Amino acid sequence: MRKEKEEELKSNVDLLKTYKKELLKEPASFLSSQKYRCYLNNGKTIIRENLLKNNEEGKASIILPITDQNTVILTIQPRVFTKTTVGISLPAGYVEKNEKHIEAARRELLEETGYDSKNLIEVAEFYQDDGIGGALNKGFVALNCKKVAIQQLDESEFINYFECTIDELLELYERKYILDGGSQLVIEKSKKYLKERR
């Protein structure tokens, strides 16, 4: 990766680093859990908790956007409980009620980056953490993305996007800049599309 490109990335990361965390005493408003007694066919019973996000399963779509110039768009945003407090990942977001994964993928791509694609291809399907919930994620490659708008972020979202070449994406992935499991899986499952456009 060119030195100036890596400096641009590091500058974006530095802007969103957490310098202090304060534990609040009030109850959580986004995360909750439900406790179940589950009866198994083998005659045994187990107790399990189901994690909910905003009273929903929290299923999500993850998108690997490849522009019509064969570059890739990554997002950089606060991930305050990680080692670096900032995550570099693919655009992603929760699926809203009565929304299909592919619709959420297109909406999230537009909101987080201002890019749109008419050609989304599903490449992955996986549970976020099947030990504590039924949130099913789907991953997409978005081909021939074009910049059509400005970011449309929620009030509590702080997302910078970063455009890089396919080779730079793969280098960032190999150098462990991208540690989000969903992003890693979608990149792996998209290597055929990346190879075609290098």
N, C-alpha and C. Protein backbone atom coordinates (compact mmCIF):
# COMPACT_ATOMS: atom_id res chain seq x y z
N MET A 1 0.85 -1.17 0.00
CA MET A 1 0.00 0.00 0.00
C MET A 1 0.89 1.24 0.00
N ARG A 2 0.53 2.19 -0.82
CA ARG A 2 1.28 3.44 -0.88
C ARG A 2 1.25 4.13 0.48
N LYS A 3 2.37 4.75 0.83
CA LYS A 3 2.50 5.39 2.14
C LYS A 3 1.42 6.44 2.36
N GLU A 4 1.13 7.26 1.34
CA GLU A 4 0.13 8.32 1.52
C GLU A 4 -1.28 7.74 1.70
N LYS A 5 -1.55 6.60 1.09
CA LYS A 5 -2.86 5.95 1.25
C LYS A 5 -3.00 5.40 2.67
N GLU A 6 -1.93 4.80 3.19
CA GLU A 6 -1.97 4.29 4.55
C GLU A 6 -2.09 5.43 5.56
N GLU A 7 -1.44 6.55 5.29
CA GLU A 7 -1.56 7.72 6.16
C GLU A 7 -2.99 8.25 6.16
N GLU A 8 -3.64 8.25 5.00
CA GLU A 8 -5.04 8.67 4.90
C GLU A 8 -5.93 7.78 5.77
N LEU A 9 -5.69 6.48 5.70
CA LEU A 9 -6.46 5.53 6.50
C LEU A 9 -6.23 5.78 7.99
N LYS A 10 -4.98 5.92 8.39
CA LYS A 10 -4.66 6.13 9.80
C LYS A 10 -5.25 7.44 10.32
N SER A 11 -5.29 8.47 9.48
CA SER A 11 -5.89 9.74 9.86
C SER A 11 -7.39 9.57 10.12
N ASN A 12 -8.06 8.79 9.26
CA ASN A 12 -9.49 8.52 9.45
C ASN A 12 -9.73 7.74 10.74
N VAL A 13 -8.87 6.78 11.02
CA VAL A 13 -8.98 5.98 12.24
C VAL A 13 -8.78 6.86 13.47
N ASP A 14 -7.74 7.69 13.45
CA ASP A 14 -7.43 8.54 14.61
C ASP A 14 -8.60 9.46 14.98
N LEU A 15 -9.34 9.95 13.99
CA LEU A 15 -10.46 10.84 14.26
C LEU A 15 -11.56 10.17 15.08
N LEU A 16 -11.68 8.87 14.99
CA LEU A 16 -12.79 8.16 15.63
C LEU A 16 -12.37 7.31 16.82
N LYS A 17 -11.13 7.45 17.26
CA LYS A 17 -10.67 6.68 18.43
C LYS A 17 -11.36 7.17 19.70
N THR A 18 -11.58 6.24 20.61
CA THR A 18 -12.16 6.56 21.92
C THR A 18 -11.02 6.91 22.87
N TYR A 19 -11.12 8.03 23.54
CA TYR A 19 -10.08 8.38 24.50
C TYR A 19 -10.52 8.13 25.94
N LYS A 20 -11.83 7.87 26.17
CA LYS A 20 -12.33 7.62 27.52
C LYS A 20 -13.65 6.88 27.43
N LYS A 21 -13.87 5.93 28.36
CA LYS A 21 -15.16 5.24 28.48
C LYS A 21 -15.65 5.41 29.90
N GLU A 22 -16.93 5.67 30.04
CA GLU A 22 -17.52 5.86 31.36
C GLU A 22 -18.70 4.90 31.50
N LEU A 23 -18.66 4.02 32.49
CA LEU A 23 -19.74 3.07 32.72
C LEU A 23 -20.94 3.80 33.28
N LEU A 24 -22.08 3.68 32.61
CA LEU A 24 -23.30 4.33 33.06
C LEU A 24 -24.10 3.37 33.93
N LYS A 25 -24.79 3.88 34.93
CA LYS A 25 -25.55 3.05 35.87
C LYS A 25 -26.96 2.74 35.37
N GLU A 26 -27.41 3.46 34.35
CA GLU A 26 -28.78 3.24 33.85
C GLU A 26 -28.86 1.93 33.05
N PRO A 27 -30.05 1.31 32.99
CA PRO A 27 -30.18 0.05 32.25
C PRO A 27 -29.97 0.25 30.75
N ALA A 28 -29.50 -0.81 30.10
CA ALA A 28 -29.27 -0.76 28.66
C ALA A 28 -30.60 -0.57 27.93
N SER A 29 -30.58 0.18 26.84
CA SER A 29 -31.81 0.43 26.08
C SER A 29 -31.84 -0.32 24.75
N PHE A 30 -30.68 -0.73 24.24
CA PHE A 30 -30.62 -1.40 22.94
C PHE A 30 -30.58 -2.91 23.07
N LEU A 31 -29.79 -3.42 24.02
CA LEU A 31 -29.65 -4.86 24.21
C LEU A 31 -30.55 -5.35 25.34
N SER A 32 -31.15 -6.50 25.11
CA SER A 32 -31.92 -7.17 26.16
C SER A 32 -31.84 -8.67 25.89
N SER A 33 -32.29 -9.46 26.86
CA SER A 33 -32.28 -10.91 26.66
C SER A 33 -33.56 -11.52 27.20
N GLN A 34 -33.87 -12.69 26.67
CA GLN A 34 -35.00 -13.49 27.13
C GLN A 34 -34.45 -14.83 27.57
N LYS A 35 -35.00 -15.36 28.68
CA LYS A 35 -34.53 -16.63 29.21
C LYS A 35 -35.55 -17.73 28.85
N TYR A 36 -35.03 -18.86 28.32
CA TYR A 36 -35.88 -19.97 27.88
C TYR A 36 -35.47 -21.27 28.56
N ARG A 37 -36.47 -22.09 28.86
CA ARG A 37 -36.22 -23.49 29.21
C ARG A 37 -36.50 -24.27 27.93
N CYS A 38 -35.51 -25.02 27.45
CA CYS A 38 -35.61 -25.72 26.18
C CYS A 38 -35.62 -27.23 26.43
N TYR A 39 -36.59 -27.92 25.82
CA TYR A 39 -36.77 -29.36 26.01
C TYR A 39 -36.22 -30.08 24.79
N LEU A 40 -35.27 -30.96 25.01
CA LEU A 40 -34.61 -31.68 23.92
C LEU A 40 -35.23 -33.04 23.70
N ASN A 41 -35.13 -33.54 22.49
CA ASN A 41 -35.66 -34.87 22.17
C ASN A 41 -35.03 -35.98 22.99
N ASN A 42 -33.83 -35.76 23.53
CA ASN A 42 -33.17 -36.79 24.33
C ASN A 42 -33.68 -36.84 25.77
N GLY A 43 -34.70 -36.04 26.06
CA GLY A 43 -35.30 -36.03 27.39
C GLY A 43 -34.68 -35.03 28.35
N LYS A 44 -33.64 -34.35 27.92
CA LYS A 44 -32.96 -33.37 28.78
C LYS A 44 -33.56 -31.98 28.58
N THR A 45 -33.32 -31.13 29.57
CA THR A 45 -33.71 -29.72 29.47
C THR A 45 -32.49 -28.84 29.68
N ILE A 46 -32.47 -27.74 28.95
CA ILE A 46 -31.39 -26.78 29.11
C ILE A 46 -31.99 -25.37 29.22
N ILE A 47 -31.29 -24.51 29.90
CA ILE A 47 -31.70 -23.11 30.01
C ILE A 47 -30.78 -22.31 29.09
N ARG A 48 -31.38 -21.47 28.27
CA ARG A 48 -30.61 -20.63 27.35
C ARG A 48 -31.20 -19.22 27.32
N GLU A 49 -30.33 -18.24 27.06
CA GLU A 49 -30.77 -16.86 26.90
C GLU A 49 -30.64 -16.45 25.45
N ASN A 50 -31.63 -15.70 24.99
CA ASN A 50 -31.67 -15.20 23.61
C ASN A 50 -31.40 -13.70 23.64
N LEU A 51 -30.34 -13.27 23.00
CA LEU A 51 -29.98 -11.86 22.95
C LEU A 51 -30.82 -11.14 21.89
N LEU A 52 -31.41 -10.02 22.27
CA LEU A 52 -32.19 -9.20 21.35
C LEU A 52 -31.52 -7.84 21.20
N LYS A 53 -31.65 -7.29 20.01
CA LYS A 53 -31.12 -5.95 19.72
C LYS A 53 -32.30 -5.09 19.32
N ASN A 54 -32.61 -4.12 20.14
CA ASN A 54 -33.76 -3.25 19.93
C ASN A 54 -35.05 -4.09 19.83
N ASN A 55 -35.14 -5.10 20.66
CA ASN A 55 -36.28 -6.03 20.72
C ASN A 55 -36.48 -6.85 19.46
N GLU A 56 -35.45 -6.98 18.66
CA GLU A 56 -35.49 -7.78 17.43
C GLU A 56 -34.31 -8.77 17.46
N GLU A 57 -34.32 -9.70 16.50
CA GLU A 57 -33.21 -10.66 16.39
C GLU A 57 -31.88 -9.97 16.11
N GLY A 58 -31.91 -8.90 15.36
CA GLY A 58 -30.68 -8.20 15.02
C GLY A 58 -29.98 -8.76 13.79
N LYS A 59 -30.77 -9.35 12.87
CA LYS A 59 -30.14 -9.86 11.64
C LYS A 59 -29.61 -8.68 10.82
N ALA A 60 -28.56 -8.95 10.05
CA ALA A 60 -27.86 -7.86 9.36
C ALA A 60 -27.43 -8.26 7.96
N SER A 61 -27.11 -7.24 7.18
CA SER A 61 -26.53 -7.41 5.84
C SER A 61 -25.16 -6.76 5.82
N ILE A 62 -24.21 -7.44 5.18
CA ILE A 62 -22.84 -6.94 5.03
C ILE A 62 -22.58 -6.83 3.54
N ILE A 63 -21.97 -5.72 3.11
CA ILE A 63 -21.83 -5.46 1.68
C ILE A 63 -20.39 -5.19 1.32
N LEU A 64 -19.88 -5.87 0.29
CA LEU A 64 -18.57 -5.55 -0.27
C LEU A 64 -18.83 -4.76 -1.56
N PRO A 65 -18.70 -3.43 -1.50
CA PRO A 65 -18.99 -2.59 -2.66
C PRO A 65 -17.77 -2.46 -3.58
N ILE A 66 -17.95 -2.82 -4.84
CA ILE A 66 -16.91 -2.64 -5.87
C ILE A 66 -17.45 -1.59 -6.83
N THR A 67 -16.72 -0.50 -6.98
CA THR A 67 -17.21 0.59 -7.82
C THR A 67 -17.06 0.27 -9.30
N ASP A 68 -17.64 1.11 -10.11
CA ASP A 68 -17.49 0.94 -11.56
C ASP A 68 -16.05 1.22 -12.01
N GLN A 69 -15.21 1.76 -11.10
CA GLN A 69 -13.79 1.97 -11.38
C GLN A 69 -12.94 0.84 -10.79
N ASN A 70 -13.61 -0.22 -10.29
CA ASN A 70 -12.95 -1.38 -9.67
C ASN A 70 -12.15 -1.02 -8.41
N THR A 71 -12.67 -0.08 -7.65
CA THR A 71 -12.15 0.17 -6.31
C THR A 71 -13.17 -0.36 -5.30
N VAL A 72 -12.77 -0.41 -4.05
CA VAL A 72 -13.62 -0.95 -2.99
C VAL A 72 -13.84 0.13 -1.94
N ILE A 73 -15.02 0.11 -1.32
CA ILE A 73 -15.34 1.07 -0.27
C ILE A 73 -15.39 0.35 1.07
N LEU A 74 -14.61 0.85 2.03
CA LEU A 74 -14.61 0.35 3.40
C LEU A 74 -15.20 1.41 4.32
N THR A 75 -15.65 0.99 5.49
CA THR A 75 -16.12 1.96 6.48
C THR A 75 -15.18 1.93 7.68
N ILE A 76 -15.09 3.08 8.33
CA ILE A 76 -14.29 3.25 9.54
C ILE A 76 -15.22 3.87 10.56
N GLN A 77 -15.38 3.19 11.73
CA GLN A 77 -16.31 3.72 12.71
C GLN A 77 -15.92 3.29 14.12
N PRO A 78 -16.41 4.02 15.12
CA PRO A 78 -16.09 3.64 16.50
C PRO A 78 -16.57 2.22 16.80
N ARG A 79 -15.69 1.43 17.36
CA ARG A 79 -16.01 0.10 17.90
C ARG A 79 -15.34 0.07 19.26
N VAL A 80 -15.97 0.75 20.22
CA VAL A 80 -15.32 1.17 21.46
C VAL A 80 -14.86 0.03 22.35
N PHE A 81 -15.36 -1.18 22.15
CA PHE A 81 -14.96 -2.30 23.01
C PHE A 81 -13.88 -3.16 22.37
N THR A 82 -13.35 -2.74 21.24
CA THR A 82 -12.24 -3.46 20.62
C THR A 82 -10.91 -2.89 21.12
N LYS A 83 -9.85 -3.58 20.81
CA LYS A 83 -8.50 -3.18 21.26
C LYS A 83 -8.15 -1.77 20.77
N THR A 84 -8.46 -1.45 19.52
CA THR A 84 -8.10 -0.15 18.96
C THR A 84 -9.20 0.89 19.11
N THR A 85 -10.38 0.49 19.53
CA THR A 85 -11.61 1.30 19.68
C THR A 85 -12.19 1.79 18.36
N VAL A 86 -11.62 1.38 17.24
CA VAL A 86 -12.12 1.76 15.91
C VAL A 86 -12.11 0.52 15.03
N GLY A 87 -13.16 0.36 14.23
CA GLY A 87 -13.22 -0.77 13.32
C GLY A 87 -13.13 -0.34 11.87
N ILE A 88 -12.36 -1.10 11.10
CA ILE A 88 -12.32 -0.93 9.64
C ILE A 88 -13.02 -2.16 9.09
N SER A 89 -14.09 -1.94 8.35
CA SER A 89 -14.91 -3.07 7.92
C SER A 89 -15.65 -2.74 6.63
N LEU A 90 -16.43 -3.69 6.18
CA LEU A 90 -17.32 -3.46 5.05
C LEU A 90 -18.57 -2.75 5.56
N PRO A 91 -19.24 -1.99 4.70
CA PRO A 91 -20.52 -1.41 5.11
C PRO A 91 -21.48 -2.52 5.53
N ALA A 92 -22.27 -2.24 6.56
CA ALA A 92 -23.19 -3.25 7.08
C ALA A 92 -24.25 -2.57 7.92
N GLY A 93 -25.34 -3.29 8.16
CA GLY A 93 -26.37 -2.75 9.03
C GLY A 93 -27.48 -3.74 9.26
N TYR A 94 -28.32 -3.41 10.23
CA TYR A 94 -29.42 -4.29 10.60
C TYR A 94 -30.54 -4.26 9.57
N VAL A 95 -31.20 -5.38 9.46
CA VAL A 95 -32.37 -5.51 8.59
C VAL A 95 -33.58 -5.02 9.38
N GLU A 96 -34.32 -4.09 8.81
CA GLU A 96 -35.48 -3.55 9.50
C GLU A 96 -36.68 -4.50 9.37
N LYS A 97 -37.67 -4.30 10.22
CA LYS A 97 -38.87 -5.13 10.21
C LYS A 97 -39.51 -5.10 8.82
N ASN A 98 -39.91 -6.25 8.32
CA ASN A 98 -40.55 -6.43 7.00
C ASN A 98 -39.63 -6.08 5.83
N GLU A 99 -38.33 -6.02 6.06
CA GLU A 99 -37.36 -5.71 5.02
C GLU A 99 -36.59 -6.98 4.69
N LYS A 100 -36.28 -7.17 3.42
CA LYS A 100 -35.46 -8.31 3.00
C LYS A 100 -33.98 -7.93 3.16
N HIS A 101 -33.13 -8.95 3.31
CA HIS A 101 -31.69 -8.71 3.46
C HIS A 101 -31.14 -7.87 2.30
N ILE A 102 -31.55 -8.18 1.08
CA ILE A 102 -30.99 -7.46 -0.07
C ILE A 102 -31.44 -6.00 -0.07
N GLU A 103 -32.66 -5.74 0.40
CA GLU A 103 -33.13 -4.35 0.51
C GLU A 103 -32.33 -3.60 1.57
N ALA A 104 -32.06 -4.28 2.69
CA ALA A 104 -31.25 -3.66 3.75
C ALA A 104 -29.84 -3.39 3.26
N ALA A 105 -29.29 -4.32 2.47
CA ALA A 105 -27.94 -4.14 1.95
C ALA A 105 -27.86 -2.88 1.09
N ARG A 106 -28.80 -2.72 0.21
CA ARG A 106 -28.79 -1.54 -0.69
C ARG A 106 -29.00 -0.25 0.11
N ARG A 107 -29.93 -0.30 1.07
CA ARG A 107 -30.20 0.89 1.90
C ARG A 107 -28.98 1.27 2.74
N GLU A 108 -28.38 0.28 3.41
CA GLU A 108 -27.22 0.56 4.26
C GLU A 108 -26.03 1.07 3.45
N LEU A 109 -25.80 0.51 2.28
CA LEU A 109 -24.72 0.97 1.42
C LEU A 109 -24.91 2.45 1.08
N LEU A 110 -26.12 2.80 0.71
CA LEU A 110 -26.43 4.19 0.37
C LEU A 110 -26.29 5.11 1.58
N GLU A 111 -26.83 4.69 2.73
CA GLU A 111 -26.77 5.53 3.93
C GLU A 111 -25.34 5.74 4.41
N GLU A 112 -24.55 4.68 4.43
CA GLU A 112 -23.21 4.76 5.02
C GLU A 112 -22.17 5.36 4.09
N THR A 113 -22.38 5.25 2.77
CA THR A 113 -21.34 5.69 1.84
C THR A 113 -21.82 6.66 0.76
N GLY A 114 -23.11 6.68 0.48
CA GLY A 114 -23.62 7.47 -0.64
C GLY A 114 -23.52 6.75 -1.97
N TYR A 115 -23.04 5.49 -1.95
CA TYR A 115 -22.93 4.68 -3.17
C TYR A 115 -24.15 3.80 -3.35
N ASP A 116 -24.48 3.51 -4.61
CA ASP A 116 -25.61 2.64 -4.92
C ASP A 116 -25.18 1.62 -5.96
N SER A 117 -25.86 0.49 -5.95
CA SER A 117 -25.60 -0.57 -6.93
C SER A 117 -26.92 -1.20 -7.32
N LYS A 118 -27.05 -1.49 -8.60
CA LYS A 118 -28.22 -2.21 -9.09
C LYS A 118 -27.92 -3.71 -9.19
N ASN A 119 -26.69 -4.10 -8.84
CA ASN A 119 -26.25 -5.48 -9.04
C ASN A 119 -25.66 -6.04 -7.74
N LEU A 120 -26.54 -6.48 -6.84
CA LEU A 120 -26.10 -7.10 -5.59
C LEU A 120 -26.24 -8.61 -5.71
N ILE A 121 -25.19 -9.32 -5.32
CA ILE A 121 -25.16 -10.78 -5.42
C ILE A 121 -24.90 -11.33 -4.03
N GLU A 122 -25.78 -12.22 -3.56
CA GLU A 122 -25.59 -12.84 -2.24
C GLU A 122 -24.45 -13.85 -2.32
N VAL A 123 -23.50 -13.72 -1.38
CA VAL A 123 -22.35 -14.63 -1.35
C VAL A 123 -22.20 -15.38 -0.04
N ALA A 124 -22.92 -14.97 1.01
CA ALA A 124 -22.72 -15.62 2.32
C ALA A 124 -24.00 -15.55 3.14
N GLU A 125 -24.13 -16.54 4.02
CA GLU A 125 -25.24 -16.59 4.98
C GLU A 125 -24.70 -17.24 6.24
N PHE A 126 -24.84 -16.57 7.38
CA PHE A 126 -24.29 -17.10 8.62
C PHE A 126 -24.96 -16.45 9.82
N TYR A 127 -24.94 -17.17 10.96
CA TYR A 127 -25.47 -16.63 12.20
C TYR A 127 -24.40 -15.78 12.88
N GLN A 128 -24.84 -14.68 13.51
CA GLN A 128 -23.90 -13.84 14.24
C GLN A 128 -23.28 -14.61 15.40
N ASP A 129 -24.11 -15.23 16.21
CA ASP A 129 -23.65 -16.03 17.34
C ASP A 129 -24.79 -16.96 17.72
N ASP A 130 -24.81 -18.15 17.14
CA ASP A 130 -25.97 -19.03 17.31
C ASP A 130 -26.08 -19.63 18.71
N GLY A 131 -25.13 -19.35 19.57
CA GLY A 131 -25.25 -19.79 20.96
C GLY A 131 -26.15 -18.89 21.79
N ILE A 132 -26.35 -17.65 21.34
CA ILE A 132 -27.17 -16.70 22.11
C ILE A 132 -28.23 -15.99 21.28
N GLY A 133 -28.47 -16.44 20.04
CA GLY A 133 -29.51 -15.78 19.26
C GLY A 133 -29.67 -16.36 17.88
N GLY A 134 -30.75 -15.96 17.25
CA GLY A 134 -31.07 -16.45 15.91
C GLY A 134 -30.84 -15.42 14.82
N ALA A 135 -29.99 -14.43 15.07
CA ALA A 135 -29.75 -13.37 14.09
C ALA A 135 -28.97 -13.93 12.90
N LEU A 136 -29.62 -14.00 11.76
CA LEU A 136 -29.02 -14.51 10.54
C LEU A 136 -28.52 -13.35 9.70
N ASN A 137 -27.24 -13.38 9.37
CA ASN A 137 -26.63 -12.36 8.52
C ASN A 137 -26.52 -12.88 7.09
N LYS A 138 -26.53 -11.95 6.15
CA LYS A 138 -26.25 -12.30 4.75
C LYS A 138 -25.23 -11.31 4.22
N GLY A 139 -24.32 -11.83 3.39
CA GLY A 139 -23.29 -11.00 2.79
C GLY A 139 -23.52 -10.87 1.30
N PHE A 140 -23.22 -9.70 0.77
CA PHE A 140 -23.43 -9.39 -0.64
C PHE A 140 -22.20 -8.74 -1.24
N VAL A 141 -21.98 -9.01 -2.52
CA VAL A 141 -21.08 -8.20 -3.33
C VAL A 141 -21.98 -7.24 -4.09
N ALA A 142 -21.63 -5.97 -4.07
CA ALA A 142 -22.36 -4.95 -4.82
C ALA A 142 -21.44 -4.49 -5.96
N LEU A 143 -21.80 -4.84 -7.18
CA LEU A 143 -20.95 -4.54 -8.34
C LEU A 143 -21.35 -3.22 -8.99
N ASN A 144 -20.37 -2.60 -9.64
CA ASN A 144 -20.57 -1.36 -10.41
C ASN A 144 -21.22 -0.25 -9.59
N CYS A 145 -20.76 -0.08 -8.35
CA CYS A 145 -21.29 0.96 -7.48
C CYS A 145 -20.94 2.33 -8.02
N LYS A 146 -21.90 3.22 -7.87
CA LYS A 146 -21.72 4.61 -8.29
C LYS A 146 -22.08 5.54 -7.13
N LYS A 147 -21.33 6.63 -7.01
CA LYS A 147 -21.62 7.64 -5.98
C LYS A 147 -22.83 8.44 -6.46
N VAL A 148 -23.93 8.38 -5.68
CA VAL A 148 -25.17 9.05 -6.10
C VAL A 148 -25.69 10.03 -5.06
N ALA A 149 -25.12 10.01 -3.85
CA ALA A 149 -25.64 10.86 -2.78
C ALA A 149 -24.55 11.07 -1.73
N ILE A 150 -24.87 11.89 -0.75
CA ILE A 150 -24.00 12.04 0.41
C ILE A 150 -24.43 11.02 1.47
N GLN A 151 -23.58 10.80 2.47
CA GLN A 151 -23.94 9.91 3.55
C GLN A 151 -25.23 10.39 4.24
N GLN A 152 -26.01 9.44 4.71
CA GLN A 152 -27.26 9.75 5.42
C GLN A 152 -27.24 9.00 6.75
N LEU A 153 -26.39 9.43 7.66
CA LEU A 153 -26.16 8.71 8.91
C LEU A 153 -27.18 9.10 9.97
N ASP A 154 -27.46 8.12 10.87
CA ASP A 154 -28.27 8.41 12.05
C ASP A 154 -27.48 9.35 12.96
N GLU A 155 -28.19 9.98 13.89
CA GLU A 155 -27.57 10.95 14.78
C GLU A 155 -26.41 10.37 15.59
N SER A 156 -26.51 9.08 15.94
CA SER A 156 -25.47 8.45 16.77
C SER A 156 -24.42 7.70 15.95
N GLU A 157 -24.49 7.80 14.63
CA GLU A 157 -23.50 7.12 13.77
C GLU A 157 -22.40 8.09 13.36
N PHE A 158 -21.17 7.62 13.45
CA PHE A 158 -20.01 8.38 13.00
C PHE A 158 -19.20 7.45 12.12
N ILE A 159 -19.37 7.58 10.84
CA ILE A 159 -18.75 6.65 9.89
C ILE A 159 -18.00 7.44 8.82
N ASN A 160 -16.72 7.14 8.69
CA ASN A 160 -15.95 7.64 7.55
C ASN A 160 -15.84 6.48 6.56
N TYR A 161 -15.86 6.79 5.29
CA TYR A 161 -15.63 5.72 4.33
C TYR A 161 -14.30 5.95 3.63
N PHE A 162 -13.74 4.85 3.18
CA PHE A 162 -12.37 4.85 2.65
C PHE A 162 -12.37 4.05 1.36
N GLU A 163 -11.97 4.70 0.28
CA GLU A 163 -11.91 4.03 -1.03
C GLU A 163 -10.48 3.55 -1.28
N CYS A 164 -10.36 2.30 -1.69
CA CYS A 164 -9.03 1.75 -1.96
C CYS A 164 -9.11 0.77 -3.14
N THR A 165 -7.98 0.39 -3.64
CA THR A 165 -7.95 -0.59 -4.72
C THR A 165 -8.24 -1.98 -4.16
N ILE A 166 -8.54 -2.91 -5.02
CA ILE A 166 -8.77 -4.29 -4.60
C ILE A 166 -7.50 -4.85 -3.96
N ASP A 167 -6.34 -4.56 -4.54
CA ASP A 167 -5.08 -5.03 -3.95
C ASP A 167 -4.87 -4.45 -2.55
N GLU A 168 -5.22 -3.18 -2.38
CA GLU A 168 -5.09 -2.55 -1.06
C GLU A 168 -6.06 -3.19 -0.05
N LEU A 169 -7.28 -3.50 -0.48
CA LEU A 169 -8.22 -4.20 0.39
C LEU A 169 -7.63 -5.52 0.86
N LEU A 170 -7.10 -6.30 -0.08
CA LEU A 170 -6.55 -7.61 0.27
C LEU A 170 -5.33 -7.47 1.18
N GLU A 171 -4.55 -6.42 0.97
CA GLU A 171 -3.41 -6.17 1.85
C GLU A 171 -3.86 -5.81 3.26
N LEU A 172 -4.88 -4.94 3.36
CA LEU A 172 -5.41 -4.57 4.67
C LEU A 172 -5.97 -5.79 5.40
N TYR A 173 -6.61 -6.65 4.65
CA TYR A 173 -7.18 -7.88 5.20
C TYR A 173 -6.06 -8.79 5.71
N GLU A 174 -5.03 -8.99 4.90
CA GLU A 174 -3.90 -9.85 5.30
C GLU A 174 -3.12 -9.26 6.48
N ARG A 175 -3.04 -7.95 6.55
CA ARG A 175 -2.29 -7.30 7.63
C ARG A 175 -3.14 -7.11 8.89
N LYS A 176 -4.33 -7.67 8.90
CA LYS A 176 -5.23 -7.68 10.07
C LYS A 176 -5.73 -6.29 10.46
N TYR A 177 -5.90 -5.42 9.48
CA TYR A 177 -6.59 -4.17 9.73
C TYR A 177 -8.10 -4.42 9.84
N ILE A 178 -8.59 -5.42 9.12
CA ILE A 178 -10.02 -5.76 9.10
C ILE A 178 -10.21 -7.00 9.98
N LEU A 179 -10.75 -6.79 11.19
CA LEU A 179 -10.89 -7.88 12.14
C LEU A 179 -12.35 -8.27 12.40
N ASP A 180 -13.27 -7.56 11.80
CA ASP A 180 -14.68 -7.90 11.94
C ASP A 180 -14.96 -9.22 11.23
N GLY A 181 -15.52 -10.20 11.96
CA GLY A 181 -15.74 -11.54 11.41
C GLY A 181 -16.65 -11.56 10.20
N GLY A 182 -17.72 -10.77 10.22
CA GLY A 182 -18.63 -10.72 9.07
C GLY A 182 -17.94 -10.19 7.83
N SER A 183 -17.15 -9.13 8.01
CA SER A 183 -16.40 -8.57 6.87
C SER A 183 -15.40 -9.59 6.33
N GLN A 184 -14.69 -10.26 7.24
CA GLN A 184 -13.71 -11.25 6.80
C GLN A 184 -14.37 -12.36 5.98
N LEU A 185 -15.51 -12.85 6.45
CA LEU A 185 -16.19 -13.93 5.74
C LEU A 185 -16.66 -13.47 4.36
N VAL A 186 -17.24 -12.28 4.29
CA VAL A 186 -17.74 -11.78 3.00
C VAL A 186 -16.58 -11.54 2.03
N ILE A 187 -15.45 -11.05 2.53
CA ILE A 187 -14.27 -10.89 1.66
C ILE A 187 -13.84 -12.25 1.12
N GLU A 188 -13.75 -13.23 1.99
CA GLU A 188 -13.36 -14.58 1.55
C GLU A 188 -14.32 -15.12 0.49
N LYS A 189 -15.61 -14.97 0.75
CA LYS A 189 -16.62 -15.50 -0.16
C LYS A 189 -16.71 -14.71 -1.45
N SER A 190 -16.09 -13.53 -1.49
CA SER A 190 -16.16 -12.66 -2.67
C SER A 190 -14.89 -12.69 -3.51
N LYS A 191 -13.93 -13.53 -3.16
CA LYS A 191 -12.63 -13.49 -3.84
C LYS A 191 -12.73 -13.72 -5.34
N LYS A 192 -13.69 -14.51 -5.77
CA LYS A 192 -13.90 -14.73 -7.21
C LYS A 192 -14.20 -13.40 -7.92
N TYR A 193 -15.07 -12.59 -7.32
CA TYR A 193 -15.45 -11.31 -7.91
C TYR A 193 -14.29 -10.32 -7.85
N LEU A 194 -13.55 -10.36 -6.75
CA LEU A 194 -12.39 -9.48 -6.62
C LEU A 194 -11.32 -9.83 -7.67
N LYS A 195 -11.09 -11.11 -7.85
CA LYS A 195 -10.08 -11.56 -8.82
C LYS A 195 -10.45 -11.13 -10.23
N GLU A 196 -11.72 -11.21 -10.58
CA GLU A 196 -12.18 -10.82 -11.92
C GLU A 196 -11.95 -9.34 -12.21
N ARG A 197 -11.92 -8.52 -11.16
CA ARG A 197 -11.86 -7.06 -11.36
C ARG A 197 -10.52 -6.45 -11.00
N ARG A 198 -9.52 -7.26 -10.70
CA ARG A 198 -8.18 -6.74 -10.36
C ARG A 198 -7.48 -6.20 -11.58
